Amino acid sequence: MRSPSILFDRPDSNVDTDVREEPSSFADLNVDQVLESMIASREEYDLNPFFYAPLHDVAAVRYRHEVLRDLEKNAVFESIRAFTHKIWAMREHLARAEKLHYTYQKESWFLDAVEIYCDAVSSLAEELTLLEVTSRGFQAFREYLADYTASDGFKSLAAETHKLKDDLARVKYCVHIRGNRVKVSKYDGEADYSVDVEKTFAKFKQGAVKDYRVKLPDWPDMNHVEARLLDLVARLYPDVFLTLDKYCARHRNYLAKTIGNFDHEVQFYLAYLEYIERFKSAGLPFCYPHVSARSKEVYAYEAFDLALANKLVPERSAVVCNDFFLKDPERIFVVTGPNQGGKTTFARMFGQLHYLASLGYPVPGRKARLFLPDRVFTHFEKEEDLATLRGKLEDELVRLHDILQQATSNSILIMNESFTSTTLRDALVLGTEVIKQIIKLDSLCVCVTFVDELASLSETTVSIVSTVVPDTPAVRTYKIVRKPADGLAYAAAIAQKCGLTYESLRRRIAP
C-alpha cells in the first residue's frame, strides 16, 4: 500500500526536514515573527522544521499549490479540520491514559482513543470520496484511505473496538453497602426503587423548593475505593476484562504511520490558511506566484510586508502595498530615500515573498512572479559583540565576506544600511566593491543605502526611491517607486525639519 505525503510530491524528496536550526535570515526579515504568530496554537505539532526547509524545485512548489487550492474549498477545509480535531482528541486520550495509575481505567481511555481514531479515519475516507479534490496530494491520500479502510487490519480493529465497547456497556452490577462492608454482585434483575421513592415523597413537595441534591464530581482520576470496586467488577466479568487486556496489548501500535504523517503535515497548510485569513478579511490580496528556478525576471504587484501587516491590521491602520519588477539584465534594487520612509520594509518584503514562495505558499500581493533561490542571505546592522573583539565596520566586513563566500548565482541577498558606521567616501568605495561582487555573481539583491551613487553602477542596478508627500516632504508615503536617486526628498525633509527651507530662511532674514 502506497504511503503518500501531502507535503512532498516524491517519496524520495531530498528536502531535509530534520533541520532544527532557524535560518539566519529569519530574524532580519521578520519571518520569525510571522512563524511565531502562525503556529501559536500548534506548538505540539513541531512544525518549525517544515519552515526551515524551503523548496528548490518548481514541481514541488506546484504540488503544494494544488493542495492549497483544494484546501481553499470550504467543504474540504472543514472536513480536514474536523479530522485533525478528532486526531487531537485521540492524542489527548492517550496522554491521559499515560498519566493514570489504575490498569482498567488506563485501558478504558486507550479504548476510547482507538474508537475516536477509527471514526476519524472512516469519516474522512467517506467524505473525500464525495468531495471534489483535484490535487495529486489529496487524490493520492484519498486512494490510500480507501485501501486502508478496506484492509483486513483496519476493519478488524474497528469491529473489535466497537464490540468491546458494547460488551463493556452491558456490564451491570450492584453495590451493597452495609456499615463498613461493601459487596459487589452482578445485576440480577433487582428492583429499581427510585421511582417508588420519588412517588412516596412527591406528596410532601409544595411548589418550587430548593434542590438539595449533590452532584458527584466526575474527575478523570479514580480514588482507591473506586479502583477497588472496579477490580471487583472485573472479577465478576473476567472474560470481558481479559479481552480488554489482550486488546490493549495487541493494538498498542494501532496508529498507521501514513495517517499520523498526514495529520502532522497538513497542519503546515492549515496554519498558513488560517493565519492569512485575517488579512484577506481586511481586504489585502494574496496570490499564487509563478515561480522559476531559472529566470530572474521577477515582479510583484500590491505586495506588502506580512509581519508589519500583522501589527497594523489589528490596529485598523493602513497597510501600504508596493510594486516591483526586474527584467532583462536587471538584478539589483538600490533603495534610497528619507529615513523612516519604508526602505527597510521594502527590503524585508522582497525577502519574505521569495521565502514564502519557496515554501509553496500564496504570497502577500495581487500578482507575482518570483525566483526560487538556493538561500536568502541578509546583511542588517547588528550591535557590536564584545566577544568578537571587532569594531563595527570590521564586523560588517567580516559578515559580508562570509555571505559572498557562500552566495551563488541562485542566491538572494538583502543588504540594509551597510557601512553606516563609516564616512560617505568609505561607504561609497566599500559599497561599490560589494555591488561589483554581487553583479559578478549574478545574484538577485536588494541594497538599502544612503549612497546614491550605488544606484547607477551598471545596467543590472535599478534605482528605487521611497517617496514623500510633494507638498509636505516631512510626511512619508511609504511608496517605493522607480526613479533616479537624487537625495532631494531626504534633503528637503531634513531642511524643513531644521527650519532651513527657502521660505523659512527668507522669513527669518526679512527686515
Protein backbone atom coordinates (compact mmCIF):
# COMPACT_ATOMS: atom_id res chain seq x y z
CA MET A 1 0.00 0.00 0.00
CA ARG A 2 1.45 3.38 -1.05
CA SER A 3 2.31 5.91 1.64
CA PRO A 4 1.72 9.32 0.08
CA SER A 5 2.84 12.60 1.52
CA ILE A 6 0.66 15.70 1.41
CA LEU A 7 3.78 17.91 1.52
CA PHE A 8 6.17 16.31 -0.94
CA ASP A 9 5.50 15.20 -4.48
CA ARG A 10 8.14 12.48 -4.38
CA PRO A 11 8.74 10.00 -1.56
CA ASP A 12 12.46 10.31 -2.24
CA SER A 13 12.39 14.09 -1.92
CA ASN A 14 15.76 15.28 -0.72
CA VAL A 15 14.32 18.12 1.35
CA ASP A 16 15.83 17.92 4.80
CA THR A 17 13.01 18.32 7.30
CA ASP A 18 15.21 17.37 10.22
CA VAL A 19 16.79 20.82 10.30
CA ARG A 20 16.32 22.26 13.77
CA GLU A 21 18.22 25.49 13.40
CA GLU A 22 16.41 28.62 12.31
CA PRO A 23 17.82 30.18 9.10
CA SER A 24 19.99 33.20 9.86
CA SER A 25 17.81 35.45 7.69
CA PHE A 26 14.62 34.78 9.67
CA ALA A 27 15.11 37.48 12.29
CA ASP A 28 16.26 40.14 9.79
CA LEU A 29 13.28 39.51 7.52
CA ASN A 30 10.87 39.22 10.48
CA VAL A 31 9.87 35.79 9.18
CA ASP A 32 10.36 34.59 12.75
CA GLN A 33 7.50 36.88 13.81
CA VAL A 34 5.27 35.51 11.06
CA LEU A 35 6.07 31.95 12.07
CA GLU A 36 5.53 32.60 15.77
CA SER A 37 2.13 34.13 15.18
CA MET A 38 1.14 31.45 12.66
CA ILE A 39 1.79 28.43 14.83
CA ALA A 40 0.91 29.98 18.19
CA SER A 41 -1.80 27.36 18.80
CA ARG A 42 0.07 24.49 17.17
CA GLU A 43 3.25 24.09 19.22
CA GLU A 44 2.51 20.40 19.81
CA TYR A 45 2.95 19.65 16.09
CA ASP A 46 6.57 20.87 15.98
CA LEU A 47 6.13 22.46 12.56
CA ASN A 48 9.29 24.58 12.61
CA PRO A 49 11.43 22.12 10.61
CA PHE A 50 8.97 22.36 7.71
CA PHE A 51 9.52 26.13 7.64
CA TYR A 52 13.29 25.73 7.81
CA ALA A 53 13.28 23.59 4.65
CA PRO A 54 12.42 25.73 1.58
CA LEU A 55 11.89 24.02 -1.75
CA HIS A 56 14.23 24.46 -4.70
CA ASP A 57 12.20 22.54 -7.25
CA VAL A 58 9.38 24.18 -9.22
CA ALA A 59 7.43 20.91 -9.47
CA ALA A 60 7.49 20.55 -5.68
CA VAL A 61 6.12 24.08 -5.26
CA ARG A 62 3.32 23.41 -7.73
CA TYR A 63 2.44 20.24 -5.82
CA ARG A 64 1.81 22.34 -2.71
CA HIS A 65 -0.14 24.94 -4.71
CA GLU A 66 -2.51 22.19 -5.84
CA VAL A 67 -3.06 21.02 -2.26
CA LEU A 68 -3.67 24.56 -1.03
CA ARG A 69 -6.18 25.23 -3.79
CA ASP A 70 -8.12 22.15 -2.68
CA LEU A 71 -7.97 23.30 0.94
CA GLU A 72 -9.32 26.70 -0.05
CA LYS A 73 -12.60 24.94 -0.85
CA ASN A 74 -14.66 25.38 2.26
CA ALA A 75 -16.04 21.83 2.34
CA VAL A 76 -12.57 20.30 2.02
CA PHE A 77 -11.10 22.63 4.63
CA GLU A 78 -13.85 21.88 7.15
CA SER A 79 -13.57 18.15 6.55
CA ILE A 80 -9.82 18.14 7.08
CA ARG A 81 -10.06 20.40 10.12
CA ALA A 82 -12.71 18.12 11.67
CA PHE A 83 -10.41 15.15 11.07
CA THR A 84 -7.44 16.87 12.73
CA HIS A 85 -9.59 17.84 15.71
CA LYS A 86 -10.56 14.20 16.20
CA ILE A 87 -6.95 13.09 15.97
CA TRP A 88 -6.08 15.76 18.51
CA ALA A 89 -8.79 14.37 20.83
CA MET A 90 -7.36 10.89 20.29
CA ARG A 91 -3.92 12.07 21.39
CA GLU A 92 -5.45 13.74 24.42
CA HIS A 93 -6.99 10.42 25.45
CA LEU A 94 -3.67 8.63 25.01
CA ALA A 95 -1.89 11.29 27.04
CA ARG A 96 -4.50 10.96 29.78
CA ALA A 97 -4.12 7.19 29.74
CA GLU A 98 -0.38 7.53 30.29
CA LYS A 99 -0.95 9.65 33.40
CA LEU A 100 -3.45 7.31 35.05
CA HIS A 101 -2.46 4.66 37.60
CA TYR A 102 -5.18 2.00 37.55
CA THR A 103 -4.92 -0.57 34.82
CA TYR A 104 -8.52 -0.88 33.74
CA GLN A 105 -9.01 2.85 33.72
CA LYS A 106 -5.91 3.29 31.53
CA GLU A 107 -7.21 0.64 29.20
CA SER A 108 -10.61 2.30 29.01
CA TRP A 109 -9.06 5.62 27.90
CA PHE A 110 -6.94 3.73 25.37
CA LEU A 111 -10.05 2.00 24.01
CA ASP A 112 -11.79 5.37 23.64
CA ALA A 113 -8.76 6.74 21.78
CA VAL A 114 -8.89 3.89 19.27
CA GLU A 115 -12.61 4.40 18.80
CA ILE A 116 -12.03 8.11 18.02
CA TYR A 117 -9.26 7.15 15.59
CA CYS A 118 -11.42 4.64 13.71
CA ASP A 119 -14.27 7.13 13.49
CA ALA A 120 -11.96 9.93 12.26
CA VAL A 121 -10.37 7.77 9.57
CA SER A 122 -13.64 6.23 8.38
CA SER A 123 -15.40 9.61 8.24
CA LEU A 124 -12.59 11.26 6.28
CA ALA A 125 -12.37 8.36 3.84
CA GLU A 126 -16.10 8.63 3.18
CA GLU A 127 -16.07 12.43 2.88
CA LEU A 128 -13.13 12.51 0.49
CA THR A 129 -14.97 10.20 -1.90
CA LEU A 130 -17.77 12.77 -2.06
CA LEU A 131 -15.64 15.94 -2.21
CA GLU A 132 -14.06 17.31 -5.34
CA VAL A 133 -10.30 17.22 -4.83
CA THR A 134 -8.07 17.73 -7.85
CA SER A 135 -4.60 17.92 -6.29
CA ARG A 136 -2.27 14.97 -6.67
CA GLY A 137 -1.67 15.09 -2.91
CA PHE A 138 -5.29 14.67 -1.88
CA GLN A 139 -6.09 12.22 -4.64
CA ALA A 140 -3.20 10.01 -3.54
CA PHE A 141 -4.23 10.27 0.10
CA ARG A 142 -7.86 9.50 -0.79
CA GLU A 143 -6.70 6.40 -2.63
CA TYR A 144 -4.59 5.40 0.35
CA LEU A 145 -7.53 5.91 2.73
CA ALA A 146 -9.82 3.81 0.58
CA ASP A 147 -7.29 0.95 0.58
CA TYR A 148 -6.52 1.35 4.27
CA THR A 149 -10.13 1.40 5.47
CA ALA A 150 -10.88 -1.62 3.25
CA SER A 151 -7.92 -3.56 4.63
CA ASP A 152 -8.49 -6.52 6.93
CA GLY A 153 -6.36 -4.91 9.60
CA PHE A 154 -8.40 -1.72 9.87
CA LYS A 155 -11.77 -3.47 9.55
CA SER A 156 -10.74 -5.91 12.27
CA LEU A 157 -9.57 -3.08 14.51
CA ALA A 158 -12.81 -1.12 14.06
CA ALA A 159 -15.04 -4.16 14.55
CA GLU A 160 -13.14 -5.35 17.60
CA THR A 161 -13.24 -1.88 19.14
CA HIS A 162 -16.98 -1.48 18.70
CA LYS A 163 -17.72 -4.97 20.03
CA LEU A 164 -15.57 -4.41 23.10
CA LYS A 165 -17.27 -1.06 23.75
CA ASP A 166 -20.66 -2.79 23.52
CA ASP A 167 -19.55 -5.63 25.83
CA LEU A 168 -18.35 -3.15 28.44
CA ALA A 169 -21.57 -1.16 28.14
CA ARG A 170 -23.51 -4.31 29.00
CA VAL A 171 -21.62 -4.82 32.24
CA LYS A 172 -24.12 -4.20 35.03
CA TYR A 173 -23.53 -4.69 38.72
CA CYS A 174 -24.95 -3.86 42.12
CA VAL A 175 -23.11 -2.37 45.08
CA HIS A 176 -24.45 -3.32 48.51
CA ILE A 177 -23.30 -1.14 51.38
CA ARG A 178 -23.93 -2.14 54.96
CA GLY A 179 -21.95 -0.28 57.56
CA ASN A 180 -18.29 -0.60 56.63
CA ARG A 181 -18.89 -3.57 54.36
CA VAL A 182 -19.24 -3.21 50.60
CA LYS A 183 -20.37 -6.07 48.44
CA VAL A 184 -20.35 -6.11 44.64
CA SER A 185 -22.53 -8.53 42.72
CA LYS A 186 -23.87 -8.99 39.23
CA TYR A 187 -27.12 -7.26 38.48
CA ASP A 188 -29.82 -9.87 38.69
CA GLY A 189 -32.97 -8.00 37.91
CA GLU A 190 -33.10 -6.25 41.25
CA ALA A 191 -35.98 -3.82 41.54
CA ASP A 192 -35.33 -0.16 40.98
CA TYR A 193 -36.92 1.61 43.92
CA SER A 194 -36.08 5.12 42.81
CA VAL A 195 -39.48 5.58 41.13
CA ASP A 196 -41.32 4.39 44.25
CA VAL A 197 -39.23 6.65 46.48
CA GLU A 198 -39.92 9.68 44.33
CA LYS A 199 -43.61 8.82 44.27
CA THR A 200 -43.72 8.42 48.06
CA PHE A 201 -42.13 11.75 48.75
CA ALA A 202 -43.90 13.61 45.94
CA LYS A 203 -46.86 14.40 48.21
CA PHE A 204 -44.58 16.41 50.51
CA LYS A 205 -43.46 18.63 47.70
CA GLN A 206 -45.09 22.04 47.88
CA GLY A 207 -44.30 24.28 44.94
CA ALA A 208 -40.76 25.19 43.96
CA VAL A 209 -38.26 24.16 46.60
CA LYS A 210 -34.51 24.28 46.92
CA ASP A 211 -32.69 21.39 45.24
CA TYR A 212 -30.52 19.70 47.89
CA ARG A 213 -29.14 17.05 45.58
CA VAL A 214 -25.37 16.81 45.50
CA LYS A 215 -23.64 16.39 42.16
CA LEU A 216 -20.76 13.96 42.48
CA PRO A 217 -17.59 15.24 40.81
CA ASP A 218 -16.58 13.39 37.64
CA TRP A 219 -12.79 13.51 37.90
CA PRO A 220 -10.70 11.63 35.34
CA ASP A 221 -8.69 10.07 38.15
CA MET A 222 -10.16 7.33 40.31
CA ASN A 223 -9.72 7.12 44.03
CA HIS A 224 -8.69 3.88 45.69
CA VAL A 225 -12.26 2.95 46.61
CA GLU A 226 -13.45 3.31 43.03
CA ALA A 227 -10.44 1.36 41.80
CA ARG A 228 -11.18 -1.45 44.27
CA LEU A 229 -14.81 -1.57 43.15
CA LEU A 230 -13.64 -1.77 39.52
CA ASP A 231 -11.36 -4.68 40.37
CA LEU A 232 -14.30 -6.49 41.98
CA VAL A 233 -16.46 -5.84 38.92
CA ALA A 234 -13.68 -7.25 36.74
CA ARG A 235 -13.77 -10.45 38.80
CA LEU A 236 -17.46 -10.76 38.09
CA TYR A 237 -16.90 -10.42 34.32
CA PRO A 238 -13.43 -11.94 33.77
CA ASP A 239 -13.96 -12.68 30.07
CA VAL A 240 -14.74 -9.08 29.14
CA PHE A 241 -11.86 -7.59 31.09
CA LEU A 242 -9.42 -10.27 29.91
CA THR A 243 -10.43 -9.40 26.36
CA LEU A 244 -9.74 -5.75 27.17
CA ASP A 245 -6.26 -6.64 28.45
CA LYS A 246 -5.41 -8.58 25.31
CA TYR A 247 -6.91 -5.89 23.05
CA CYS A 248 -4.70 -3.17 24.53
CA ALA A 249 -1.59 -5.32 24.27
CA ARG A 250 -2.32 -6.33 20.68
CA HIS A 251 -3.19 -2.89 19.31
CA ARG A 252 -0.59 -0.79 21.09
CA ASN A 253 0.73 0.43 17.70
CA TYR A 254 -2.63 0.85 16.03
CA LEU A 255 -1.91 4.30 14.55
CA ALA A 256 -0.92 3.96 10.88
CA LYS A 257 2.25 5.90 10.12
CA THR A 258 0.76 7.49 7.00
CA ILE A 259 -2.27 8.72 8.95
CA GLY A 260 -0.01 10.22 11.63
CA ASN A 261 2.19 11.85 8.99
CA PHE A 262 -0.83 13.31 7.22
CA ASP A 263 -2.17 14.82 10.45
CA HIS A 264 1.26 16.36 11.06
CA GLU A 265 1.97 17.59 7.55
CA VAL A 266 -1.46 19.03 6.81
CA GLN A 267 -1.01 21.42 9.75
CA PHE A 268 1.59 23.19 7.59
CA TYR A 269 -1.23 24.24 5.26
CA LEU A 270 -3.99 24.80 7.81
CA ALA A 271 -1.78 27.08 9.91
CA TYR A 272 -0.99 29.37 6.97
CA LEU A 273 -4.54 29.47 5.59
CA GLU A 274 -5.96 30.35 8.99
CA TYR A 275 -3.21 32.94 9.50
CA ILE A 276 -3.72 34.81 6.22
CA GLU A 277 -7.49 34.78 6.55
CA ARG A 278 -7.24 37.77 8.91
CA PHE A 279 -5.51 39.77 6.17
CA LYS A 280 -7.88 38.67 3.43
CA SER A 281 -10.78 39.79 5.60
CA ALA A 282 -9.10 43.20 5.82
CA GLY A 283 -9.06 43.41 2.02
CA LEU A 284 -5.38 42.56 1.46
CA PRO A 285 -4.64 40.36 -1.56
CA PHE A 286 -2.80 37.02 -1.74
CA CYS A 287 -1.82 35.17 -4.88
CA TYR A 288 -0.10 32.01 -6.03
CA PRO A 289 3.15 33.23 -7.56
CA HIS A 290 4.57 31.92 -10.79
CA VAL A 291 7.91 30.51 -9.65
CA SER A 292 11.04 29.79 -11.61
CA ALA A 293 14.41 28.34 -10.72
CA ARG A 294 15.99 29.83 -13.85
CA SER A 295 14.52 33.15 -14.88
CA LYS A 296 15.45 36.10 -12.70
CA GLU A 297 12.81 38.35 -14.17
CA VAL A 298 10.64 38.88 -11.10
CA TYR A 299 7.72 41.09 -10.22
CA ALA A 300 5.02 41.59 -7.62
CA TYR A 301 2.08 43.96 -7.56
CA GLU A 302 0.33 45.26 -4.42
CA ALA A 303 2.79 43.33 -2.29
CA PHE A 304 3.24 44.02 1.41
CA ASP A 305 5.27 43.07 4.48
CA LEU A 306 3.36 40.27 6.19
CA ALA A 307 4.93 40.78 9.62
CA LEU A 308 4.16 44.51 9.54
CA ALA A 309 0.61 43.84 8.38
CA ASN A 310 0.18 41.50 11.35
CA LYS A 311 0.75 44.51 13.61
CA LEU A 312 -1.19 47.08 11.58
CA VAL A 313 -4.36 45.14 10.74
CA PRO A 314 -5.48 44.62 14.38
CA GLU A 315 -4.95 48.38 14.91
CA ARG A 316 -7.04 49.09 11.80
CA SER A 317 -4.05 51.00 10.40
CA ALA A 318 -3.47 51.19 6.65
CA VAL A 319 -1.07 48.72 5.07
CA VAL A 320 0.86 50.31 2.19
CA CYS A 321 1.38 47.98 -0.76
CA ASN A 322 4.19 48.31 -3.29
CA ASP A 323 5.00 47.07 -6.77
CA PHE A 324 8.37 45.98 -8.11
CA PHE A 325 9.83 44.29 -11.14
CA LEU A 326 13.20 43.30 -12.57
CA LYS A 327 13.56 42.49 -16.24
CA ASP A 328 16.27 41.72 -18.78
CA PRO A 329 19.71 42.27 -17.17
CA GLU A 330 18.31 43.93 -14.04
CA ARG A 331 19.28 42.12 -10.83
CA ILE A 332 19.79 44.63 -8.03
CA PHE A 333 17.41 47.09 -6.40
CA VAL A 334 19.24 50.03 -4.83
CA VAL A 335 16.81 51.66 -2.43
CA THR A 336 17.37 55.24 -1.31
CA GLY A 337 15.22 57.95 0.20
CA PRO A 338 14.36 59.56 3.52
CA ASN A 339 14.75 57.81 6.83
CA GLN A 340 11.65 56.06 8.16
CA GLY A 341 10.29 56.00 4.61
CA GLY A 342 9.72 52.28 4.19
CA LYS A 343 13.05 51.27 2.62
CA THR A 344 13.81 48.52 5.12
CA THR A 345 10.19 47.32 4.96
CA PHE A 346 10.53 47.01 1.18
CA ALA A 347 13.74 45.00 1.56
CA ARG A 348 12.11 42.69 4.11
CA MET A 349 9.05 42.30 1.90
CA PHE A 350 11.23 41.26 -1.06
CA GLY A 351 12.92 38.61 1.08
CA GLN A 352 9.67 37.44 2.68
CA LEU A 353 7.93 37.00 -0.66
CA HIS A 354 10.72 34.85 -2.03
CA TYR A 355 10.97 32.77 1.14
CA LEU A 356 7.21 32.19 1.35
CA ALA A 357 7.14 31.30 -2.34
CA SER A 358 9.89 28.73 -1.77
CA LEU A 359 7.71 27.12 0.91
CA GLY A 360 4.92 26.73 -1.66
CA TYR A 361 2.64 29.29 -0.03
CA PRO A 362 0.49 32.01 -1.60
CA VAL A 363 2.33 35.31 -1.15
CA PRO A 364 1.02 38.70 0.01
CA GLY A 365 0.26 40.54 -3.23
CA ARG A 366 -2.18 40.66 -6.14
CA LYS A 367 0.12 39.08 -8.74
CA ALA A 368 3.69 37.83 -8.55
CA ARG A 369 6.44 36.06 -10.43
CA LEU A 370 9.33 35.05 -8.17
CA PHE A 371 12.66 33.26 -8.25
CA LEU A 372 13.35 30.09 -6.28
CA PRO A 373 16.64 30.83 -4.51
CA ASP A 374 19.02 28.32 -3.01
CA ARG A 375 19.38 30.62 0.02
CA VAL A 376 18.35 34.07 1.19
CA PHE A 377 21.22 35.97 2.81
CA THR A 378 20.72 39.12 4.86
CA HIS A 379 23.16 41.76 5.99
CA PHE A 380 21.46 44.01 8.55
CA GLU A 381 23.00 46.26 11.13
CA LYS A 382 23.91 44.45 14.35
CA GLU A 383 25.08 45.65 17.72
CA GLU A 384 28.74 45.25 18.46
CA ASP A 385 29.64 41.94 20.07
CA LEU A 386 32.42 42.39 22.59
CA ALA A 387 33.24 38.69 22.37
CA THR A 388 34.49 39.08 18.79
CA LEU A 389 36.89 41.91 19.72
CA ARG A 390 35.96 43.54 16.41
CA GLY A 391 34.83 47.07 15.66
CA LYS A 392 31.50 47.69 13.97
CA LEU A 393 32.92 48.29 10.48
CA GLU A 394 35.22 45.28 10.74
CA ASP A 395 32.32 43.14 11.87
CA GLU A 396 30.22 44.29 8.90
CA LEU A 397 33.04 43.45 6.51
CA VAL A 398 33.60 40.01 8.02
CA ARG A 399 29.90 39.16 7.79
CA LEU A 400 29.72 40.41 4.21
CA HIS A 401 32.79 38.40 3.30
CA ASP A 402 31.20 35.26 4.70
CA ILE A 403 27.99 35.90 2.74
CA LEU A 404 29.83 36.49 -0.52
CA GLN A 405 31.84 33.32 0.02
CA GLN A 406 28.67 31.25 0.39
CA ALA A 407 26.37 33.02 -2.09
CA THR A 408 25.82 31.65 -5.58
CA SER A 409 24.13 32.94 -8.70
CA ASN A 410 20.94 31.37 -7.32
CA SER A 411 21.07 33.25 -4.03
CA ILE A 412 19.19 36.35 -2.95
CA LEU A 413 20.99 38.99 -0.90
CA ILE A 414 19.25 41.60 1.23
CA MET A 415 21.57 44.37 2.45
CA ASN A 416 20.16 47.00 4.76
CA GLU A 417 22.05 50.21 5.52
CA SER A 418 25.50 48.64 5.32
CA PHE A 419 28.56 50.79 6.13
CA THR A 420 26.64 53.44 8.06
CA SER A 421 29.43 53.35 10.63
CA THR A 422 31.95 54.87 8.25
CA THR A 423 32.31 58.04 6.19
CA LEU A 424 30.37 58.65 2.99
CA ARG A 425 33.55 58.33 0.93
CA ASP A 426 34.50 54.98 2.51
CA ALA A 427 30.92 53.75 2.27
CA LEU A 428 30.95 54.56 -1.45
CA VAL A 429 34.21 52.68 -2.02
CA LEU A 430 33.20 49.65 0.03
CA GLY A 431 29.64 49.60 -1.29
CA THR A 432 30.87 49.78 -4.87
CA GLU A 433 33.19 46.82 -4.36
CA VAL A 434 30.42 44.74 -2.79
CA ILE A 435 27.91 45.57 -5.53
CA LYS A 436 30.50 44.66 -8.15
CA GLN A 437 30.94 41.28 -6.46
CA ILE A 438 27.19 40.72 -6.48
CA ILE A 439 26.99 41.73 -10.15
CA LYS A 440 29.73 39.21 -10.87
CA LEU A 441 27.77 36.53 -9.01
CA ASP A 442 24.62 37.46 -10.97
CA SER A 443 22.54 37.18 -7.79
CA LEU A 444 19.29 38.97 -7.07
CA CYS A 445 19.79 41.67 -4.46
CA VAL A 446 18.12 44.49 -2.58
CA CYS A 447 20.52 47.10 -1.23
CA VAL A 448 19.15 49.79 1.08
CA THR A 449 21.70 52.56 1.25
CA PHE A 450 22.33 56.26 1.76
CA VAL A 451 24.92 56.25 -1.04
CA ASP A 452 23.07 57.40 -4.16
CA GLU A 453 25.96 56.58 -6.48
CA LEU A 454 25.42 52.83 -5.97
CA ALA A 455 22.10 53.08 -7.83
CA SER A 456 23.78 53.77 -11.17
CA LEU A 457 26.76 51.43 -11.14
CA SER A 458 25.64 49.33 -14.11
CA GLU A 459 22.67 48.19 -16.16
CA THR A 460 22.00 45.49 -13.56
CA THR A 461 21.21 48.03 -10.84
CA VAL A 462 17.79 49.64 -10.57
CA SER A 463 17.24 52.79 -8.57
CA ILE A 464 14.08 52.88 -6.48
CA VAL A 465 13.25 55.61 -4.00
CA SER A 466 10.90 55.87 -1.05
CA THR A 467 8.73 58.90 -1.60
CA VAL A 468 7.25 61.71 0.46
CA VAL A 469 4.16 63.89 0.01
CA PRO A 470 5.25 66.51 -2.54
CA ASP A 471 3.76 69.47 -0.69
CA THR A 472 4.74 68.15 2.73
CA PRO A 473 8.15 66.49 2.40
CA ALA A 474 8.26 65.52 6.05
CA VAL A 475 5.29 63.19 5.53
CA ARG A 476 6.24 59.76 4.15
CA THR A 477 4.03 57.90 1.71
CA TYR A 478 5.88 54.58 2.21
CA LYS A 479 5.51 54.05 -1.53
CA ILE A 480 8.66 52.85 -3.28
CA VAL A 481 8.94 53.89 -6.93
CA ARG A 482 11.43 53.62 -9.75
CA LYS A 483 13.28 56.90 -10.13
CA PRO A 484 16.86 58.15 -10.08
CA ALA A 485 18.38 58.56 -6.65
CA ASP A 486 18.84 62.28 -6.10
CA GLY A 487 18.59 62.63 -2.35
CA LEU A 488 16.27 65.61 -2.81
CA ALA A 489 13.36 64.20 -0.90
CA TYR A 490 15.54 63.36 2.04
CA ALA A 491 17.32 66.74 1.91
CA ALA A 492 14.05 68.66 1.67
CA ALA A 493 12.63 66.79 4.63
CA ILE A 494 15.70 67.49 6.73
CA ALA A 495 15.73 71.14 5.67
CA GLN A 496 12.13 71.55 6.65
CA LYS A 497 12.67 69.79 9.97
CA CYS A 498 15.57 72.15 10.76
CA GLY A 499 13.77 75.28 9.56
CA LEU A 500 16.18 75.73 6.64
CA THR A 501 13.79 75.81 3.70
CA TYR A 502 13.84 78.81 1.39
CA GLU A 503 10.62 80.18 2.85
CA SER A 504 11.84 79.74 6.43
CA LEU A 505 15.14 81.45 5.76
CA ARG A 506 13.52 84.32 3.85
CA ARG A 507 11.13 84.98 6.73
CA ARG A 508 13.96 84.92 9.27
CA ILE A 509 16.24 87.36 7.39
CA ALA A 510 13.47 89.67 6.27
CA PRO A 511 13.84 93.19 7.76
